[in-house]
Amino acid sequence: MTILTELTYLVAAILFILGLKYLGSPKTARKGNFLSMLGMLLAIVVTLLDKEILDFTYIIAGIVIGAAIGAYAARKVEMTAMPQMVALFNGFGGAASALVAYSEYIRSGAQMTTDVSVTLVLSLLIGVVTFVGSVVAYAKLQGLITGAPVTFPGQKFANGILLIGALVLGGFFVYNPSVETFLLVIIGLAAILGITSVIPIGGADMPVVISLLNSYSGLAAAMTGFVLSNNVLIISGALVGASGIILTNIMCKAMNRSLANVLFGAVGTDGSSGTGGARKDKSEVAQYTAEDAATVFEAAQSVIIVPGYGLAVAQAQHVLHELDQLLTQKGIEVKYAIHPVAGRMPGHMNVLLAEADVPYDMLYEMDQINDEFQNTDVALVIGANDVINPAARTDPNSPLYGMPILNVDKARTVMIIKRSLSPGFAGVDNELFYDPKTMMLFGDAKEMVTELIKELKNL
């Protein structure tokens, strides 16, 4: 059975790698998900059979309960709450790894070799930090606690002390694995570190935090794989950890910031609605109606749509797709511009538009489409803010300075659908709102786009 198990693990690992490859494109992402799930199913089934488990009662109960929770979440959680769900799932992965590693310590009766003891400590440390940090991220995204950075004097120093303390205790445990107290204190320190490492991160950086926590969950799983001497767990955990780190790095580059600045820069606000922080009010901005916008669209030959988190909040993706279909029928070229950190988690806008069946070939990444804005008649912005803010190019004192943005301001006409003049998650006012060529359409995105469609049909 061992040879068959290892061969099945090899097949599962190949499916994981192929799954990751296909996840690299929206067109093949569903296939990538299917292959990855198939690989995990094979790994789980062969592991259960190989271990010759006699009583599957608890396993079946766990499968039924977990499947029910997963199915409910997939169907009922709104797209606006998807980042929160992903954050929690990351946390559950870290918690599962820590619990399995700790249970193996109890089962072995503290009879562990040095290498296993080291990976046990790392599994507990990373797993608990992931779980608690993910819960904090969830609370920030859900509005249970403020989304603004929460800092206190000496915070970086305190985090360093917590980490060093956990590692020192880990060294003591490796030297004497029979002292369970070391592990319990490490778990406590890791829980505190999970809180203090996430609360200083603002709403503007939540996509990076979610990606990083996802990487942590993979690393925790890999460490647990070493504790159990399970090759497929090591491989799958390493793949998740590595891909999460790569994605985190890509997103940091998209913001032209280092990971250290994201973790310790305390950039952002709570992202709440309203006009707090804006330089001016609506009375000082040229306001337009859906009828005005429809007239401009009727004369346009090309339109680039820039979706943002406000689109998800209004659940306007379906009516937006109806709008792009109507524009296309009128002979207008329509494209979507997707910024790497648009929304509140990696790939948020891609998933949102896929839900509305927007064709994948209409979606363009920032580097692919940025040069086209200068030749575009209309740039339609729905709910985006920081990723189109010209201050990233013009204001050295702005926290956004140096961040690559979508060149919306270079389009001939800019239309922005927004509830108010409130700043984005970075807390920075957007000068594009006051540009003479900008048409501000205030209101709920879904209602405004619906009104636009009605006006276009009447022309």
Protein backbone atom coordinates (compact mmCIF):
# COMPACT_ATOMS: atom_id res chain seq x y z
CA MET A 1 0.00 0.00 0.00
CA THR A 2 2.94 2.35 0.62
CA ILE A 3 4.06 2.33 -3.03
CA LEU A 4 0.50 2.96 -4.19
CA THR A 5 0.18 5.76 -1.65
CA GLU A 6 3.35 7.48 -2.81
CA LEU A 7 2.34 7.15 -6.48
CA THR A 8 -1.05 8.67 -5.69
CA TYR A 9 0.67 11.48 -3.82
CA LEU A 10 2.80 12.10 -6.91
CA VAL A 11 -0.31 12.31 -9.09
CA ALA A 12 -1.90 14.67 -6.56
CA ALA A 13 1.20 16.88 -6.55
CA ILE A 14 1.13 17.06 -10.37
CA LEU A 15 -2.54 18.05 -10.24
CA PHE A 16 -1.73 20.77 -7.68
CA ILE A 17 0.97 22.21 -9.94
CA LEU A 18 -1.25 22.09 -13.02
CA GLY A 19 -4.04 23.68 -10.98
CA LEU A 20 -1.81 26.58 -10.00
CA LYS A 21 -0.74 27.02 -13.61
CA TYR A 22 -4.35 27.23 -14.81
CA LEU A 23 -5.26 29.59 -11.98
CA GLY A 24 -2.89 32.11 -13.57
CA SER A 25 -5.55 33.13 -16.11
CA PRO A 26 -9.25 33.98 -15.65
CA LYS A 27 -10.03 31.87 -18.71
CA THR A 28 -8.66 28.68 -17.17
CA ALA A 29 -9.20 29.40 -13.45
CA ARG A 30 -12.20 27.08 -13.13
CA LYS A 31 -10.23 24.23 -14.65
CA GLY A 32 -7.38 24.99 -12.25
CA ASN A 33 -9.75 24.85 -9.29
CA PHE A 34 -11.15 21.52 -10.47
CA LEU A 35 -7.71 19.94 -10.93
CA SER A 36 -6.55 21.15 -7.52
CA MET A 37 -9.68 19.82 -5.83
CA LEU A 38 -9.28 16.48 -7.59
CA GLY A 39 -5.68 16.26 -6.40
CA MET A 40 -6.70 16.99 -2.81
CA LEU A 41 -9.51 14.44 -2.98
CA LEU A 42 -7.06 11.75 -4.12
CA ALA A 43 -4.61 12.69 -1.38
CA ILE A 44 -7.26 12.58 1.36
CA VAL A 45 -8.80 9.28 0.25
CA VAL A 46 -5.51 7.43 -0.09
CA THR A 47 -4.27 8.79 3.24
CA LEU A 48 -7.36 7.58 5.06
CA LEU A 49 -7.07 4.14 3.46
CA ASP A 50 -3.34 3.90 4.04
CA LYS A 51 -3.69 4.64 7.76
CA GLU A 52 -6.23 1.79 8.05
CA ILE A 53 -8.67 3.83 10.08
CA LEU A 54 -11.29 1.46 11.51
CA ASP A 55 -13.88 3.97 12.71
CA PHE A 56 -14.78 6.65 10.17
CA THR A 57 -17.60 8.11 12.25
CA TYR A 58 -15.82 11.35 13.15
CA ILE A 59 -14.31 11.69 9.69
CA ILE A 60 -17.68 11.34 7.97
CA ALA A 61 -19.24 13.76 10.45
CA GLY A 62 -16.46 16.27 9.78
CA ILE A 63 -16.88 15.91 6.01
CA VAL A 64 -20.64 16.45 6.20
CA ILE A 65 -20.39 19.45 8.52
CA GLY A 66 -17.51 21.03 6.60
CA ALA A 67 -19.20 20.48 3.23
CA ALA A 68 -22.41 22.04 4.53
CA ILE A 69 -20.57 25.12 5.80
CA GLY A 70 -18.60 25.45 2.56
CA ALA A 71 -21.69 25.07 0.37
CA TYR A 72 -23.61 27.61 2.43
CA ALA A 73 -20.74 30.11 2.32
CA ALA A 74 -20.25 29.71 -1.43
CA ARG A 75 -23.93 30.32 -2.15
CA LYS A 76 -24.93 32.86 0.47
CA VAL A 77 -21.89 35.09 1.01
CA GLU A 78 -22.19 38.25 -1.08
CA MET A 79 -19.36 39.35 -3.33
CA THR A 80 -18.69 42.30 -1.02
CA ALA A 81 -18.05 39.83 1.81
CA MET A 82 -15.83 37.53 -0.24
CA PRO A 83 -12.60 39.06 1.17
CA GLN A 84 -13.85 38.39 4.71
CA MET A 85 -14.63 34.78 3.82
CA VAL A 86 -11.22 34.25 2.24
CA ALA A 87 -9.56 35.77 5.32
CA LEU A 88 -11.45 33.36 7.59
CA PHE A 89 -10.64 30.38 5.39
CA ASN A 90 -6.96 31.31 5.55
CA GLY A 91 -7.28 31.41 9.32
CA PHE A 92 -9.01 28.03 9.48
CA GLY A 93 -6.16 26.55 7.45
CA GLY A 94 -3.62 27.86 9.92
CA ALA A 95 -5.67 26.66 12.90
CA ALA A 96 -6.08 23.19 11.38
CA SER A 97 -2.33 22.86 10.84
CA ALA A 98 -1.59 23.94 14.41
CA LEU A 99 -4.19 21.57 15.89
CA VAL A 100 -2.97 18.58 13.88
CA ALA A 101 0.65 19.25 14.81
CA TYR A 102 -0.22 19.61 18.49
CA SER A 103 -2.31 16.44 18.47
CA GLU A 104 0.63 14.56 16.96
CA TYR A 105 2.78 15.80 19.87
CA ILE A 106 0.22 14.44 22.34
CA ARG A 107 -0.10 11.13 20.44
CA SER A 108 3.66 10.60 20.33
CA GLY A 109 3.99 11.08 24.08
CA ALA A 110 6.63 13.80 23.57
CA GLN A 111 8.95 11.25 21.96
CA MET A 112 10.07 13.41 19.06
CA THR A 113 13.32 13.77 17.13
CA THR A 114 14.99 17.16 16.82
CA ASP A 115 13.83 17.83 13.25
CA VAL A 116 10.23 17.00 14.13
CA SER A 117 10.38 19.20 17.23
CA VAL A 118 11.63 22.15 15.16
CA THR A 119 8.84 21.83 12.59
CA LEU A 120 6.27 21.36 15.38
CA VAL A 121 7.27 24.69 16.90
CA LEU A 122 7.13 26.40 13.51
CA SER A 123 3.75 24.87 12.72
CA LEU A 124 2.26 26.13 15.98
CA LEU A 125 3.85 29.56 15.68
CA ILE A 126 2.88 30.18 12.04
CA GLY A 127 -0.49 28.46 12.33
CA VAL A 128 -1.65 30.44 15.36
CA VAL A 129 -0.38 33.75 13.94
CA THR A 130 -2.28 32.95 10.74
CA PHE A 131 -5.49 32.09 12.56
CA VAL A 132 -5.55 35.07 14.92
CA GLY A 133 -4.26 37.49 12.27
CA SER A 134 -6.94 36.30 9.85
CA VAL A 135 -9.66 36.81 12.45
CA VAL A 136 -8.42 40.38 12.98
CA ALA A 137 -8.38 40.94 9.20
CA TYR A 138 -11.93 39.59 9.02
CA ALA A 139 -13.03 41.92 11.82
CA LYS A 140 -11.48 44.91 10.02
CA LEU A 141 -13.08 44.05 6.70
CA GLN A 142 -16.44 43.32 8.31
CA GLY A 143 -16.40 46.60 10.22
CA LEU A 144 -16.43 44.91 13.63
CA ILE A 145 -13.32 46.92 14.48
CA THR A 146 -11.94 50.01 12.77
CA GLY A 147 -10.35 49.44 9.39
CA ALA A 148 -7.91 52.29 10.05
CA PRO A 149 -4.39 51.46 11.27
CA VAL A 150 -4.20 50.94 15.03
CA THR A 151 -0.75 51.78 16.33
CA PHE A 152 0.94 52.39 19.66
CA PRO A 153 4.43 53.54 20.66
CA GLY A 154 7.05 50.82 20.36
CA GLN A 155 4.78 48.53 18.36
CA LYS A 156 7.52 47.26 16.04
CA PHE A 157 9.83 46.65 18.99
CA ALA A 158 7.08 44.78 20.85
CA ASN A 159 6.39 42.58 17.82
CA GLY A 160 10.10 41.82 17.55
CA ILE A 161 10.25 40.85 21.23
CA LEU A 162 7.23 38.58 20.86
CA LEU A 163 8.76 36.81 17.87
CA ILE A 164 12.18 36.43 19.48
CA GLY A 165 10.57 35.20 22.70
CA ALA A 166 8.60 32.55 20.81
CA LEU A 167 11.72 31.39 18.95
CA VAL A 168 13.80 31.23 22.13
CA LEU A 169 11.13 29.15 23.86
CA GLY A 170 11.02 27.02 20.73
CA GLY A 171 14.74 26.38 21.16
CA PHE A 172 14.18 25.30 24.75
CA PHE A 173 11.43 22.95 23.63
CA VAL A 174 13.62 21.37 20.95
CA TYR A 175 16.25 20.78 23.63
CA ASN A 176 13.65 19.25 26.00
CA PRO A 177 10.42 18.20 24.20
CA SER A 178 8.92 16.78 27.37
CA VAL A 179 8.10 20.29 28.70
CA GLU A 180 4.67 20.97 27.21
CA THR A 181 4.51 24.37 28.91
CA PHE A 182 6.94 25.75 26.32
CA LEU A 183 4.43 24.97 23.58
CA LEU A 184 1.53 26.53 25.45
CA VAL A 185 3.46 29.77 25.99
CA ILE A 186 4.51 29.80 22.33
CA ILE A 187 0.84 29.50 21.34
CA GLY A 188 -0.02 32.44 23.61
CA LEU A 189 2.78 34.61 22.21
CA ALA A 190 1.78 33.69 18.65
CA ALA A 191 -1.83 34.70 19.35
CA ILE A 192 -0.71 38.12 20.62
CA LEU A 193 1.61 38.50 17.62
CA GLY A 194 -1.27 37.68 15.29
CA ILE A 195 -3.20 40.62 16.72
CA THR A 196 -0.37 43.16 16.90
CA SER A 197 0.93 42.34 13.42
CA VAL A 198 -2.40 42.96 11.65
CA ILE A 199 -4.08 45.81 13.57
CA PRO A 200 -1.54 48.43 12.35
CA ILE A 201 -2.39 47.64 8.71
CA GLY A 202 -4.97 49.92 7.09
CA GLY A 203 -7.77 49.20 4.66
CA ALA A 204 -5.66 50.26 1.65
CA ASP A 205 -3.38 47.28 2.20
CA MET A 206 -5.96 44.58 2.96
CA PRO A 207 -5.44 42.81 -0.43
CA VAL A 208 -1.77 42.33 0.44
CA VAL A 209 -2.58 41.16 3.97
CA ILE A 210 -5.00 38.52 2.71
CA SER A 211 -2.41 37.27 0.23
CA LEU A 212 0.29 37.15 2.90
CA LEU A 213 -1.95 35.29 5.38
CA ASN A 214 -2.72 32.80 2.64
CA SER A 215 1.01 32.22 2.29
CA TYR A 216 1.32 31.77 6.05
CA SER A 217 -1.40 29.11 6.02
CA GLY A 218 0.53 27.19 3.37
CA LEU A 219 3.77 27.38 5.33
CA ALA A 220 1.99 26.15 8.47
CA ALA A 221 0.60 23.19 6.50
CA ALA A 222 4.06 22.36 5.14
CA MET A 223 5.54 22.39 8.65
CA THR A 224 2.77 20.07 9.83
CA GLY A 225 3.58 17.82 6.88
CA PHE A 226 7.12 17.45 8.26
CA VAL A 227 5.72 16.67 11.71
CA LEU A 228 3.57 13.89 10.23
CA SER A 229 6.15 12.81 7.63
CA ASN A 230 3.44 13.27 5.00
CA ASN A 231 4.88 14.17 1.59
CA VAL A 232 1.70 15.42 -0.07
CA LEU A 233 1.02 17.82 2.82
CA ILE A 234 4.56 19.14 2.57
CA ILE A 235 4.21 19.65 -1.19
CA SER A 236 0.75 21.25 -1.10
CA GLY A 237 1.71 23.51 1.79
CA ALA A 238 4.90 24.59 0.08
CA LEU A 239 3.01 25.37 -3.14
CA VAL A 240 0.46 27.51 -1.29
CA GLY A 241 3.19 29.24 0.70
CA ALA A 242 5.33 29.98 -2.34
CA SER A 243 2.46 31.12 -4.56
CA GLY A 244 1.17 33.36 -1.77
CA ILE A 245 4.57 34.99 -1.35
CA ILE A 246 4.86 35.50 -5.12
CA LEU A 247 1.40 37.09 -5.27
CA THR A 248 2.21 39.28 -2.28
CA ASN A 249 5.37 40.49 -4.01
CA ILE A 250 3.47 41.21 -7.22
CA MET A 251 0.92 43.28 -5.32
CA CYS A 252 3.62 45.20 -3.45
CA LYS A 253 5.22 46.05 -6.79
CA ALA A 254 1.81 47.16 -8.07
CA MET A 255 1.76 49.69 -5.22
CA ASN A 256 5.48 50.51 -5.54
CA ARG A 257 5.96 49.72 -1.86
CA SER A 258 7.98 47.22 0.08
CA LEU A 259 6.36 44.51 2.16
CA ALA A 260 7.87 46.12 5.26
CA ASN A 261 6.11 49.39 4.41
CA VAL A 262 2.82 47.56 3.96
CA LEU A 263 3.20 45.80 7.32
CA PHE A 264 4.49 48.77 9.27
CA GLY A 265 3.58 51.87 7.23
CA ALA A 266 0.11 52.28 8.79
CA VAL A 267 -1.41 53.53 5.54
CA GLY A 268 -5.16 53.91 5.20
CA THR A 269 -8.49 54.75 6.80
CA ASP A 270 -11.49 52.67 7.73
CA GLY A 271 -12.87 53.17 4.24
CA SER A 272 -16.24 54.31 5.53
CA SER A 273 -18.57 56.31 3.35
CA GLY A 274 -19.25 59.97 3.75
CA THR A 275 -17.31 63.08 2.85
CA GLY A 276 -14.86 63.13 5.72
CA GLY A 277 -11.39 64.00 4.51
CA ALA A 278 -12.42 65.50 1.17
CA ARG A 279 -11.16 68.98 0.30
CA LYS A 280 -14.47 70.14 -1.16
CA ASP A 281 -18.15 69.23 -1.21
CA LYS A 282 -20.55 68.35 -4.01
CA SER A 283 -21.54 71.98 -4.55
CA GLU A 284 -18.02 72.75 -5.75
CA VAL A 285 -17.94 69.90 -8.26
CA ALA A 286 -19.66 69.76 -11.65
CA GLN A 287 -22.44 67.22 -11.26
CA TYR A 288 -24.00 65.43 -14.21
CA THR A 289 -27.04 63.27 -14.82
CA ALA A 290 -27.46 59.90 -16.51
CA GLU A 291 -28.97 61.75 -19.47
CA ASP A 292 -25.81 63.87 -19.82
CA ALA A 293 -23.63 60.77 -19.67
CA ALA A 294 -25.75 58.90 -22.23
CA THR A 295 -25.31 61.76 -24.69
CA VAL A 296 -21.52 61.55 -24.31
CA PHE A 297 -21.57 57.77 -24.76
CA GLU A 298 -23.65 58.11 -27.92
CA ALA A 299 -20.88 60.18 -29.52
CA ALA A 300 -18.03 57.92 -28.32
CA GLN A 301 -16.18 55.29 -30.29
CA SER A 302 -14.23 53.71 -27.44
CA VAL A 303 -14.90 53.20 -23.72
CA ILE A 304 -12.71 51.75 -20.97
CA ILE A 305 -14.53 50.68 -17.81
CA VAL A 306 -12.60 50.77 -14.52
CA PRO A 307 -14.32 48.74 -11.76
CA GLY A 308 -13.58 49.18 -8.06
CA TYR A 309 -14.84 48.10 -4.68
CA GLY A 310 -17.87 50.38 -4.98
CA LEU A 311 -19.09 48.16 -7.81
CA ALA A 312 -19.09 45.19 -5.43
CA VAL A 313 -20.82 47.16 -2.67
CA ALA A 314 -23.65 48.12 -5.03
CA GLN A 315 -23.76 44.62 -6.58
CA ALA A 316 -23.86 46.35 -9.95
CA GLN A 317 -21.79 43.87 -11.96
CA HIS A 318 -24.79 42.41 -13.81
CA VAL A 319 -26.26 45.74 -14.93
CA LEU A 320 -22.74 46.88 -15.85
CA HIS A 321 -22.42 43.91 -18.18
CA GLU A 322 -25.78 44.87 -19.66
CA LEU A 323 -24.38 48.36 -20.24
CA ASP A 324 -21.24 47.11 -21.98
CA GLN A 325 -23.38 44.88 -24.22
CA LEU A 326 -25.57 47.85 -25.15
CA LEU A 327 -22.54 50.00 -25.95
CA THR A 328 -21.05 47.20 -28.06
CA GLN A 329 -24.31 46.90 -29.99
CA LYS A 330 -24.01 50.60 -30.80
CA GLY A 331 -20.60 49.95 -32.37
CA ILE A 332 -18.57 51.27 -29.43
CA GLU A 333 -15.39 49.39 -28.47
CA VAL A 334 -15.56 48.45 -24.78
CA LYS A 335 -12.75 47.17 -22.57
CA TYR A 336 -12.29 46.68 -18.82
CA ALA A 337 -9.13 47.88 -17.05
CA ILE A 338 -8.21 45.84 -13.96
CA HIS A 339 -5.72 47.19 -11.43
CA PRO A 340 -3.81 44.50 -9.47
CA VAL A 341 -5.00 45.82 -6.11
CA ALA A 342 -8.53 46.92 -7.07
CA GLY A 343 -11.07 45.73 -4.53
CA ARG A 344 -10.20 44.22 -1.18
CA MET A 345 -8.56 40.95 -2.11
CA PRO A 346 -6.39 39.63 -4.97
CA GLY A 347 -8.48 39.03 -8.09
CA HIS A 348 -11.60 40.56 -6.52
CA MET A 349 -12.63 42.41 -9.69
CA ASN A 350 -11.97 39.41 -11.94
CA VAL A 351 -14.20 37.19 -9.81
CA LEU A 352 -16.87 39.88 -9.58
CA LEU A 353 -17.05 40.33 -13.36
CA ALA A 354 -16.87 36.59 -14.00
CA GLU A 355 -19.97 36.24 -11.82
CA ALA A 356 -21.77 38.51 -14.30
CA ASP A 357 -20.44 36.50 -17.30
CA VAL A 358 -18.33 39.36 -18.64
CA PRO A 359 -16.16 37.76 -21.38
CA TYR A 360 -12.59 37.19 -20.23
CA ASP A 361 -11.16 38.72 -23.41
CA MET A 362 -12.67 42.08 -22.39
CA LEU A 363 -10.55 42.19 -19.23
CA TYR A 364 -7.13 43.84 -19.46
CA GLU A 365 -4.46 44.15 -16.80
CA MET A 366 -2.99 47.57 -16.05
CA ASP A 367 0.21 47.10 -18.07
CA GLN A 368 -1.77 45.90 -21.09
CA ILE A 369 -4.20 48.82 -21.27
CA ASN A 370 -2.59 51.85 -19.67
CA ASP A 371 -1.25 53.26 -22.93
CA GLU A 372 -4.72 53.08 -24.49
CA PHE A 373 -6.36 55.62 -22.18
CA GLN A 374 -4.87 58.58 -24.06
CA ASN A 375 -6.69 57.45 -27.22
CA THR A 376 -9.95 56.57 -25.46
CA ASP A 377 -13.07 58.72 -25.70
CA VAL A 378 -14.56 57.81 -22.30
CA ALA A 379 -13.13 56.24 -19.16
CA LEU A 380 -16.03 55.07 -16.97
CA VAL A 381 -14.97 54.61 -13.33
CA ILE A 382 -17.31 52.75 -10.98
CA GLY A 383 -16.30 52.70 -7.35
CA ALA A 384 -12.52 52.92 -7.86
CA ASN A 385 -10.51 55.62 -6.12
CA ASP A 386 -6.90 55.13 -5.04
CA VAL A 387 -5.97 53.15 -8.17
CA ILE A 388 -6.87 56.15 -10.41
CA ASN A 389 -5.57 58.96 -8.18
CA PRO A 390 -3.10 61.20 -10.09
CA ALA A 391 -1.46 62.11 -6.75
CA ALA A 392 0.45 58.86 -7.16
CA ARG A 393 2.35 60.63 -9.96
CA THR A 394 2.27 64.28 -8.92
CA ASP A 395 2.41 64.58 -5.12
CA PRO A 396 5.66 63.42 -3.45
CA ASN A 397 4.03 63.92 -0.03
CA SER A 398 1.15 61.56 -0.78
CA PRO A 399 1.24 58.03 0.68
CA LEU A 400 0.23 56.89 -2.80
CA TYR A 401 3.24 58.53 -4.48
CA GLY A 402 5.07 56.14 -6.80
CA MET A 403 2.21 53.66 -6.95
CA PRO A 404 1.45 52.63 -10.56
CA ILE A 405 -2.09 53.74 -11.36
CA LEU A 406 -4.50 53.38 -14.25
CA ASN A 407 -4.08 56.37 -16.58
CA VAL A 408 -7.75 57.33 -16.38
CA ASP A 409 -6.93 61.03 -16.26
CA LYS A 410 -5.49 60.81 -19.80
CA ALA A 411 -8.81 59.80 -21.39
CA ARG A 412 -10.69 62.49 -23.33
CA THR A 413 -13.64 62.31 -20.93
CA VAL A 414 -13.73 60.77 -17.47
CA MET A 415 -17.00 59.63 -15.88
CA ILE A 416 -16.95 58.69 -12.21
CA ILE A 417 -19.91 57.04 -10.52
CA LYS A 418 -19.59 57.49 -6.78
CA ARG A 419 -21.83 58.04 -3.77
CA SER A 420 -19.77 60.97 -2.45
CA LEU A 421 -16.41 62.72 -2.58
CA SER A 422 -15.03 60.60 0.26
CA PRO A 423 -11.41 59.49 -0.12
CA GLY A 424 -10.43 55.88 -0.75
CA PHE A 425 -8.93 53.40 1.70
CA ALA A 426 -5.62 55.27 1.65
CA GLY A 427 -7.41 58.34 3.06
CA VAL A 428 -6.20 60.56 0.20
CA ASP A 429 -8.46 63.01 -1.62
CA ASN A 430 -8.62 62.49 -5.39
CA GLU A 431 -7.88 65.58 -7.50
CA LEU A 432 -9.38 63.86 -10.53
CA PHE A 433 -12.84 64.50 -9.07
CA TYR A 434 -12.33 68.23 -9.68
CA ASP A 435 -10.81 68.01 -13.16
CA PRO A 436 -12.85 70.01 -15.76
CA LYS A 437 -13.11 66.97 -18.04
CA THR A 438 -14.46 64.77 -15.27
CA MET A 439 -18.18 64.09 -15.10
CA MET A 440 -19.21 63.20 -11.54
CA LEU A 441 -22.37 61.09 -11.36
CA PHE A 442 -23.31 60.86 -7.70
CA GLY A 443 -25.44 57.96 -6.53
CA ASP A 444 -25.65 54.22 -6.05
CA ALA A 445 -23.70 52.47 -8.81
CA LYS A 446 -26.44 49.97 -9.64
CA GLU A 447 -29.14 52.62 -9.83
CA MET A 448 -26.98 54.99 -11.88
CA VAL A 449 -25.91 52.34 -14.40
CA THR A 450 -29.54 51.21 -14.71
CA GLU A 451 -30.54 54.80 -15.43
CA LEU A 452 -27.73 55.07 -17.99
CA ILE A 453 -29.03 52.00 -19.80
CA LYS A 454 -32.54 53.45 -19.90
CA GLU A 455 -31.29 56.76 -21.32
CA LEU A 456 -29.13 55.05 -23.94
CA LYS A 457 -32.03 52.96 -25.12
CA ASN A 458 -34.10 56.11 -25.58
CA LEU A 459 -31.49 57.78 -27.83
